Amino acid sequence: MGVTDAAQIPKQRGEQLLDSAVRYAEERHWDVFPGTWLEVIEGKERCSCGAEACATPGAHAVRPDWSTQATGSGVGARRMWSKTPKASILLPTGRTFDAIEVPETAGFLALARMERMELTLGPVTCTPDRRMYFFVLPGAATKVPDLVRKLGWAPASIDLATRGEGYYVAAPPTRIGGFGAVQWARRPTPANRWLPDADELISALAYACGREAAEARSRAQ
């Protein structure tokens, strides 16, 4: 990860983070827990963990027992972010949702296809490192590899992964390094409160990832 001048580092508003964390807990019943945050030291950005080569500066768990720290209570979320107002918002997967992770280009291609097919979608995030996360019902992590195989792809041959139990994703408006903030490609709304099953989305996602993998192989030849 590179470093930038202090003037270029986007500010992370503490009150916005607190309000967002409380809304996720109260309105969506998602568990939340505070992660690391960005600090400016001698004009350069640093993750609060102190590591100079941090892979996800400002957006990873602080403690190894983070899963026990997560809360689905709005009161609990308010208490935690009041203590660490700059902390990133992290959502454990494998509880109220799993997340299917794909490259941004494949994700938007799949999203357009799903909309044409009028599929029911859950929330979708887009990260500064050009990854997209499609929120689906829990259990996706265990069955997606078999679903991908049935569609004719080897799971290892396409850039598609799942986040289930034991993992987490960063939620908006968390910022990652100096690259920008996690954003909603599809915001949480009352209409998408009920999440789709992985079975409903995997065909479009696997097709888009398979197409991208084939194009990459073609360019490499």
C-alpha atoms as a PDB file:
ATOM      1  CA  MET A   1       0.000   0.000   0.000  1.00  0.00           C
ATOM      2  CA  GLY A   2       1.310   3.399  -0.884  1.00  0.00           C
ATOM      3  CA  VAL A   3       1.153   6.478   1.287  1.00  0.00           C
ATOM      4  CA  THR A   4      -0.266   9.887   0.522  1.00  0.00           C
ATOM      5  CA  ASP A   5       0.111  13.393   1.867  1.00  0.00           C
ATOM      6  CA  ALA A   6      -2.095  14.251   4.806  1.00  0.00           C
ATOM      7  CA  ALA A   7      -4.063  16.755   2.715  1.00  0.00           C
ATOM      8  CA  GLN A   8      -5.116  13.955   0.352  1.00  0.00           C
ATOM      9  CA  ILE A   9      -6.391  11.593   3.026  1.00  0.00           C
ATOM     10  CA  PRO A  10     -10.203  11.585   3.049  1.00  0.00           C
ATOM     11  CA  LYS A  11     -11.584  12.329   6.485  1.00  0.00           C
ATOM     12  CA  GLN A  12     -13.738   9.742   8.206  1.00  0.00           C
ATOM     13  CA  ARG A  13     -16.508  11.472  10.113  1.00  0.00           C
ATOM     14  CA  GLY A  14     -16.935   9.840  13.496  1.00  0.00           C
ATOM     15  CA  GLU A  15     -20.600  10.770  13.880  1.00  0.00           C
ATOM     16  CA  GLN A  16     -21.427   9.301  10.464  1.00  0.00           C
ATOM     17  CA  LEU A  17     -19.738   6.030  11.373  1.00  0.00           C
ATOM     18  CA  LEU A  18     -21.564   5.850  14.703  1.00  0.00           C
ATOM     19  CA  ASP A  19     -24.928   6.608  13.114  1.00  0.00           C
ATOM     20  CA  SER A  20     -24.369   4.059  10.356  1.00  0.00           C
ATOM     21  CA  ALA A  21     -23.322   1.334  12.802  1.00  0.00           C
ATOM     22  CA  VAL A  22     -26.418   1.954  14.927  1.00  0.00           C
ATOM     23  CA  ARG A  23     -28.691   1.859  11.853  1.00  0.00           C
ATOM     24  CA  TYR A  24     -27.228  -1.439  10.662  1.00  0.00           C
ATOM     25  CA  ALA A  25     -27.902  -2.975  14.074  1.00  0.00           C
ATOM     26  CA  GLU A  26     -31.341  -1.462  14.635  1.00  0.00           C
ATOM     27  CA  GLU A  27     -32.825  -1.422  11.141  1.00  0.00           C
ATOM     28  CA  ARG A  28     -31.207  -4.458   9.517  1.00  0.00           C
ATOM     29  CA  HIS A  29     -30.500  -6.532  12.651  1.00  0.00           C
ATOM     30  CA  TRP A  30     -26.920  -7.043  11.459  1.00  0.00           C
ATOM     31  CA  ASP A  31     -24.183  -7.690  13.988  1.00  0.00           C
ATOM     32  CA  VAL A  32     -21.491  -4.995  13.914  1.00  0.00           C
ATOM     33  CA  PHE A  33     -18.129  -4.488  15.544  1.00  0.00           C
ATOM     34  CA  PRO A  34     -15.505  -1.700  15.397  1.00  0.00           C
ATOM     35  CA  GLY A  35     -12.278  -2.298  13.499  1.00  0.00           C
ATOM     36  CA  THR A  36      -9.121  -0.268  12.998  1.00  0.00           C
ATOM     37  CA  TRP A  37      -9.063   3.288  11.647  1.00  0.00           C
ATOM     38  CA  LEU A  38      -6.779   5.678   9.800  1.00  0.00           C
ATOM     39  CA  GLU A  39      -4.330   7.938  11.590  1.00  0.00           C
ATOM     40  CA  VAL A  40      -2.060  10.643  10.152  1.00  0.00           C
ATOM     41  CA  ILE A  41       1.511  10.370  11.433  1.00  0.00           C
ATOM     42  CA  GLU A  42       4.153  12.777  10.128  1.00  0.00           C
ATOM     43  CA  GLY A  43       2.006  13.627   7.142  1.00  0.00           C
ATOM     44  CA  LYS A  44       1.430  10.045   6.093  1.00  0.00           C
ATOM     45  CA  GLU A  45      -1.511   7.739   6.577  1.00  0.00           C
ATOM     46  CA  ARG A  46      -1.151   4.773   8.835  1.00  0.00           C
ATOM     47  CA  CYS A  47      -3.497   2.100  10.045  1.00  0.00           C
ATOM     48  CA  SER A  48      -4.163   2.352  13.764  1.00  0.00           C
ATOM     49  CA  CYS A  49      -2.736  -1.177  14.092  1.00  0.00           C
ATOM     50  CA  GLY A  50       0.723   0.343  13.560  1.00  0.00           C
ATOM     51  CA  ALA A  51       1.830  -1.954  10.729  1.00  0.00           C
ATOM     52  CA  GLU A  52       3.516  -0.048   7.894  1.00  0.00           C
ATOM     53  CA  ALA A  53       2.568  -2.684   5.317  1.00  0.00           C
ATOM     54  CA  CYS A  54      -1.001  -3.247   6.490  1.00  0.00           C
ATOM     55  CA  ALA A  55      -3.029  -5.010   3.776  1.00  0.00           C
ATOM     56  CA  THR A  56      -6.318  -3.253   4.605  1.00  0.00           C
ATOM     57  CA  PRO A  57      -5.355  -0.051   6.446  1.00  0.00           C
ATOM     58  CA  GLY A  58      -8.162   1.257   8.594  1.00  0.00           C
ATOM     59  CA  ALA A  59     -10.533  -1.614   7.893  1.00  0.00           C
ATOM     60  CA  HIS A  60      -9.669  -4.811   9.718  1.00  0.00           C
ATOM     61  CA  ALA A  61     -10.354  -6.390  13.084  1.00  0.00           C
ATOM     62  CA  VAL A  62      -8.430  -5.100  16.081  1.00  0.00           C
ATOM     63  CA  ARG A  63      -8.580  -8.256  18.175  1.00  0.00           C
ATOM     64  CA  PRO A  64      -8.349 -11.969  17.347  1.00  0.00           C
ATOM     65  CA  ASP A  65     -11.545 -12.561  19.339  1.00  0.00           C
ATOM     66  CA  TRP A  66     -13.490 -10.023  17.257  1.00  0.00           C
ATOM     67  CA  SER A  67     -16.412 -12.423  16.833  1.00  0.00           C
ATOM     68  CA  THR A  68     -17.217 -12.182  20.538  1.00  0.00           C
ATOM     69  CA  GLN A  69     -17.129  -8.390  20.350  1.00  0.00           C
ATOM     70  CA  ALA A  70     -19.853  -8.097  17.685  1.00  0.00           C
ATOM     71  CA  THR A  71     -23.277  -6.865  18.747  1.00  0.00           C
ATOM     72  CA  GLY A  72     -26.689  -6.691  17.114  1.00  0.00           C
ATOM     73  CA  SER A  73     -27.855  -4.081  19.612  1.00  0.00           C
ATOM     74  CA  GLY A  74     -28.165  -0.435  18.630  1.00  0.00           C
ATOM     75  CA  VAL A  75     -27.366   0.538  22.214  1.00  0.00           C
ATOM     76  CA  GLY A  76     -24.276  -1.671  22.159  1.00  0.00           C
ATOM     77  CA  ALA A  77     -23.137  -0.251  18.822  1.00  0.00           C
ATOM     78  CA  ARG A  78     -23.563   3.304  20.081  1.00  0.00           C
ATOM     79  CA  ARG A  79     -21.516   2.490  23.163  1.00  0.00           C
ATOM     80  CA  MET A  80     -18.651   0.959  21.166  1.00  0.00           C
ATOM     81  CA  TRP A  81     -18.390   3.739  18.573  1.00  0.00           C
ATOM     82  CA  SER A  82     -18.668   6.383  21.276  1.00  0.00           C
ATOM     83  CA  LYS A  83     -15.434   4.930  22.685  1.00  0.00           C
ATOM     84  CA  THR A  84     -13.700   4.639  19.270  1.00  0.00           C
ATOM     85  CA  PRO A  85     -15.537   7.115  16.990  1.00  0.00           C
ATOM     86  CA  LYS A  86     -13.118   6.724  14.065  1.00  0.00           C
ATOM     87  CA  ALA A  87     -13.311   2.930  13.978  1.00  0.00           C
ATOM     88  CA  SER A  88     -14.301   1.179  10.776  1.00  0.00           C
ATOM     89  CA  ILE A  89     -17.623  -0.677  10.642  1.00  0.00           C
ATOM     90  CA  LEU A  90     -17.171  -4.413  10.187  1.00  0.00           C
ATOM     91  CA  LEU A  91     -20.018  -6.901   9.682  1.00  0.00           C
ATOM     92  CA  PRO A  92     -19.504 -10.573  10.571  1.00  0.00           C
ATOM     93  CA  THR A  93     -20.617 -12.957   7.831  1.00  0.00           C
ATOM     94  CA  GLY A  94     -22.206 -16.346   8.456  1.00  0.00           C
ATOM     95  CA  ARG A  95     -24.784 -14.930  10.851  1.00  0.00           C
ATOM     96  CA  THR A  96     -27.593 -12.950   9.222  1.00  0.00           C
ATOM     97  CA  PHE A  97     -25.950 -13.081   5.802  1.00  0.00           C
ATOM     98  CA  ASP A  98     -23.087 -14.500   3.767  1.00  0.00           C
ATOM     99  CA  ALA A  99     -21.334 -12.484   1.047  1.00  0.00           C
ATOM    100  CA  ILE A 100     -20.318 -13.581  -2.442  1.00  0.00           C
ATOM    101  CA  GLU A 101     -17.165 -11.714  -3.507  1.00  0.00           C
ATOM    102  CA  VAL A 102     -16.340 -11.016  -7.157  1.00  0.00           C
ATOM    103  CA  PRO A 103     -14.227  -8.489  -9.118  1.00  0.00           C
ATOM    104  CA  GLU A 104     -15.928  -5.149  -9.731  1.00  0.00           C
ATOM    105  CA  THR A 105     -16.103  -5.531 -13.530  1.00  0.00           C
ATOM    106  CA  ALA A 106     -17.703  -8.970 -13.266  1.00  0.00           C
ATOM    107  CA  GLY A 107     -19.976  -7.746 -10.480  1.00  0.00           C
ATOM    108  CA  PHE A 108     -21.449  -4.892 -12.500  1.00  0.00           C
ATOM    109  CA  LEU A 109     -21.869  -7.166 -15.532  1.00  0.00           C
ATOM    110  CA  ALA A 110     -23.737  -9.672 -13.355  1.00  0.00           C
ATOM    111  CA  LEU A 111     -25.768  -6.911 -11.734  1.00  0.00           C
ATOM    112  CA  ALA A 112     -26.993  -5.674 -15.123  1.00  0.00           C
ATOM    113  CA  ARG A 113     -27.916  -9.211 -16.132  1.00  0.00           C
ATOM    114  CA  MET A 114     -29.786  -9.810 -12.861  1.00  0.00           C
ATOM    115  CA  GLU A 115     -31.763  -6.611 -13.309  1.00  0.00           C
ATOM    116  CA  ARG A 116     -32.783  -7.642 -16.827  1.00  0.00           C
ATOM    117  CA  MET A 117     -33.908 -10.979 -15.389  1.00  0.00           C
ATOM    118  CA  GLU A 118     -35.765  -9.079 -12.628  1.00  0.00           C
ATOM    119  CA  LEU A 119     -34.088 -11.133  -9.909  1.00  0.00           C
ATOM    120  CA  THR A 120     -34.545 -10.149  -6.291  1.00  0.00           C
ATOM    121  CA  LEU A 121     -31.279  -8.688  -5.021  1.00  0.00           C
ATOM    122  CA  GLY A 122     -29.990  -8.009  -1.554  1.00  0.00           C
ATOM    123  CA  PRO A 123     -27.575  -5.209  -0.647  1.00  0.00           C
ATOM    124  CA  VAL A 124     -24.337  -5.051  -2.627  1.00  0.00           C
ATOM    125  CA  THR A 125     -21.151  -3.235  -1.619  1.00  0.00           C
ATOM    126  CA  CYS A 126     -18.300  -1.977  -3.768  1.00  0.00           C
ATOM    127  CA  THR A 127     -14.845  -1.494  -2.220  1.00  0.00           C
ATOM    128  CA  PRO A 128     -11.976   0.847  -3.189  1.00  0.00           C
ATOM    129  CA  ASP A 129      -9.883  -2.156  -4.256  1.00  0.00           C
ATOM    130  CA  ARG A 130     -12.507  -2.903  -6.932  1.00  0.00           C
ATOM    131  CA  ARG A 131     -14.267  -5.821  -5.298  1.00  0.00           C
ATOM    132  CA  MET A 132     -18.015  -6.324  -4.934  1.00  0.00           C
ATOM    133  CA  TYR A 133     -19.876  -8.221  -2.226  1.00  0.00           C
ATOM    134  CA  PHE A 134     -23.384  -9.567  -2.835  1.00  0.00           C
ATOM    135  CA  PHE A 135     -25.280 -10.211   0.403  1.00  0.00           C
ATOM    136  CA  VAL A 136     -27.169 -13.524   0.393  1.00  0.00           C
ATOM    137  CA  LEU A 137     -28.733 -15.867   2.918  1.00  0.00           C
ATOM    138  CA  PRO A 138     -26.361 -17.638   5.325  1.00  0.00           C
ATOM    139  CA  GLY A 139     -25.077 -20.995   4.148  1.00  0.00           C
ATOM    140  CA  ALA A 140     -23.749 -19.803   0.790  1.00  0.00           C
ATOM    141  CA  ALA A 141     -20.138 -20.439   1.751  1.00  0.00           C
ATOM    142  CA  THR A 142     -20.719 -24.177   2.041  1.00  0.00           C
ATOM    143  CA  LYS A 143     -22.693 -24.701  -1.166  1.00  0.00           C
ATOM    144  CA  VAL A 144     -21.324 -22.173  -3.677  1.00  0.00           C
ATOM    145  CA  PRO A 145     -18.348 -24.344  -4.773  1.00  0.00           C
ATOM    146  CA  ASP A 146     -20.703 -27.196  -5.739  1.00  0.00           C
ATOM    147  CA  LEU A 147     -23.071 -24.774  -7.473  1.00  0.00           C
ATOM    148  CA  VAL A 148     -20.173 -23.390  -9.518  1.00  0.00           C
ATOM    149  CA  ARG A 149     -19.096 -26.915 -10.514  1.00  0.00           C
ATOM    150  CA  LYS A 150     -22.622 -27.792 -11.644  1.00  0.00           C
ATOM    151  CA  LEU A 151     -22.524 -24.732 -13.910  1.00  0.00           C
ATOM    152  CA  GLY A 152     -19.397 -26.092 -15.592  1.00  0.00           C
ATOM    153  CA  TRP A 153     -16.609 -24.107 -13.923  1.00  0.00           C
ATOM    154  CA  ALA A 154     -13.851 -25.232 -11.607  1.00  0.00           C
ATOM    155  CA  PRO A 155     -14.112 -22.971  -8.523  1.00  0.00           C
ATOM    156  CA  ALA A 156     -10.356 -22.338  -8.583  1.00  0.00           C
ATOM    157  CA  SER A 157     -10.489 -21.151 -12.203  1.00  0.00           C
ATOM    158  CA  ILE A 158     -12.718 -18.134 -11.622  1.00  0.00           C
ATOM    159  CA  ASP A 159     -12.331 -15.171  -9.279  1.00  0.00           C
ATOM    160  CA  LEU A 160     -15.351 -15.844  -7.085  1.00  0.00           C
ATOM    161  CA  ALA A 161     -15.268 -16.446  -3.342  1.00  0.00           C
ATOM    162  CA  THR A 162     -17.657 -16.503  -0.424  1.00  0.00           C
ATOM    163  CA  ARG A 163     -17.459 -15.037   3.056  1.00  0.00           C
ATOM    164  CA  GLY A 164     -19.254 -17.127   5.661  1.00  0.00           C
ATOM    165  CA  GLU A 165     -18.749 -18.039   9.292  1.00  0.00           C
ATOM    166  CA  GLY A 166     -15.491 -16.733  10.727  1.00  0.00           C
ATOM    167  CA  TYR A 167     -15.144 -13.849   8.260  1.00  0.00           C
ATOM    168  CA  TYR A 168     -16.391 -10.284   7.956  1.00  0.00           C
ATOM    169  CA  VAL A 169     -16.855  -7.490   5.432  1.00  0.00           C
ATOM    170  CA  ALA A 170     -16.357  -3.737   5.777  1.00  0.00           C
ATOM    171  CA  ALA A 171     -19.518  -1.644   5.544  1.00  0.00           C
ATOM    172  CA  PRO A 172     -20.043   1.909   4.228  1.00  0.00           C
ATOM    173  CA  PRO A 173     -18.842   4.540   4.996  1.00  0.00           C
ATOM    174  CA  THR A 174     -15.636   2.754   6.110  1.00  0.00           C
ATOM    175  CA  ARG A 175     -12.524   4.064   4.361  1.00  0.00           C
ATOM    176  CA  ILE A 176      -9.680   1.802   3.321  1.00  0.00           C
ATOM    177  CA  GLY A 177      -6.326   3.544   3.202  1.00  0.00           C
ATOM    178  CA  GLY A 178      -6.236   6.628   1.021  1.00  0.00           C
ATOM    179  CA  PHE A 179      -8.123   4.898  -1.767  1.00  0.00           C
ATOM    180  CA  GLY A 180     -11.666   5.824  -0.819  1.00  0.00           C
ATOM    181  CA  ALA A 181     -14.663   4.463   1.016  1.00  0.00           C
ATOM    182  CA  VAL A 182     -16.693   1.302   0.789  1.00  0.00           C
ATOM    183  CA  GLN A 183     -19.924   2.228  -0.997  1.00  0.00           C
ATOM    184  CA  TRP A 184     -23.315   0.695  -1.677  1.00  0.00           C
ATOM    185  CA  ALA A 185     -23.829  -0.470  -5.247  1.00  0.00           C
ATOM    186  CA  ARG A 186     -27.290  -1.511  -4.008  1.00  0.00           C
ATOM    187  CA  ARG A 187     -28.287   0.128  -0.738  1.00  0.00           C
ATOM    188  CA  PRO A 188     -30.169  -1.658   2.047  1.00  0.00           C
ATOM    189  CA  THR A 189     -33.858  -0.794   1.659  1.00  0.00           C
ATOM    190  CA  PRO A 190     -37.154  -2.205   2.965  1.00  0.00           C
ATOM    191  CA  ALA A 191     -37.537  -3.892  -0.442  1.00  0.00           C
ATOM    192  CA  ASN A 192     -34.362  -5.969  -0.049  1.00  0.00           C
ATOM    193  CA  ARG A 193     -34.719  -6.803   3.633  1.00  0.00           C
ATOM    194  CA  TRP A 194     -35.334 -10.434   2.643  1.00  0.00           C
ATOM    195  CA  LEU A 195     -32.117 -11.707   1.121  1.00  0.00           C
ATOM    196  CA  PRO A 196     -31.878 -13.993  -1.910  1.00  0.00           C
ATOM    197  CA  ASP A 197     -30.394 -17.458  -1.718  1.00  0.00           C
ATOM    198  CA  ALA A 198     -27.028 -18.013  -3.376  1.00  0.00           C
ATOM    199  CA  ASP A 199     -28.756 -20.379  -5.849  1.00  0.00           C
ATOM    200  CA  GLU A 200     -30.654 -17.415  -7.321  1.00  0.00           C
ATOM    201  CA  LEU A 201     -27.567 -15.322  -8.097  1.00  0.00           C
ATOM    202  CA  ILE A 202     -24.775 -17.790  -8.702  1.00  0.00           C
ATOM    203  CA  SER A 203     -25.490 -18.373 -12.404  1.00  0.00           C
ATOM    204  CA  ALA A 204     -25.124 -14.698 -13.321  1.00  0.00           C
ATOM    205  CA  LEU A 205     -22.111 -14.219 -11.040  1.00  0.00           C
ATOM    206  CA  ALA A 206     -20.282 -17.336 -12.212  1.00  0.00           C
ATOM    207  CA  TYR A 207     -20.960 -16.495 -15.858  1.00  0.00           C
ATOM    208  CA  ALA A 208     -19.543 -12.968 -15.428  1.00  0.00           C
ATOM    209  CA  CYS A 209     -16.476 -14.248 -13.556  1.00  0.00           C
ATOM    210  CA  GLY A 210     -15.943 -17.027 -16.103  1.00  0.00           C
ATOM    211  CA  ARG A 211     -16.135 -14.539 -18.952  1.00  0.00           C
ATOM    212  CA  GLU A 212     -13.598 -12.280 -17.247  1.00  0.00           C
ATOM    213  CA  ALA A 213     -11.254 -15.230 -16.634  1.00  0.00           C
ATOM    214  CA  ALA A 214     -11.491 -16.283 -20.296  1.00  0.00           C
ATOM    215  CA  GLU A 215     -10.707 -12.738 -21.463  1.00  0.00           C
ATOM    216  CA  ALA A 216      -7.713 -12.591 -19.125  1.00  0.00           C
ATOM    217  CA  ARG A 217      -6.374 -15.875 -20.514  1.00  0.00           C
ATOM    218  CA  SER A 218      -6.889 -14.599 -24.045  1.00  0.00           C
ATOM    219  CA  ARG A 219      -4.934 -11.420 -23.324  1.00  0.00           C
ATOM    220  CA  ALA A 220      -2.102 -13.463 -21.800  1.00  0.00           C
ATOM    221  CA  GLN A 221      -1.633 -15.565 -24.949  1.00  0.00           C
END
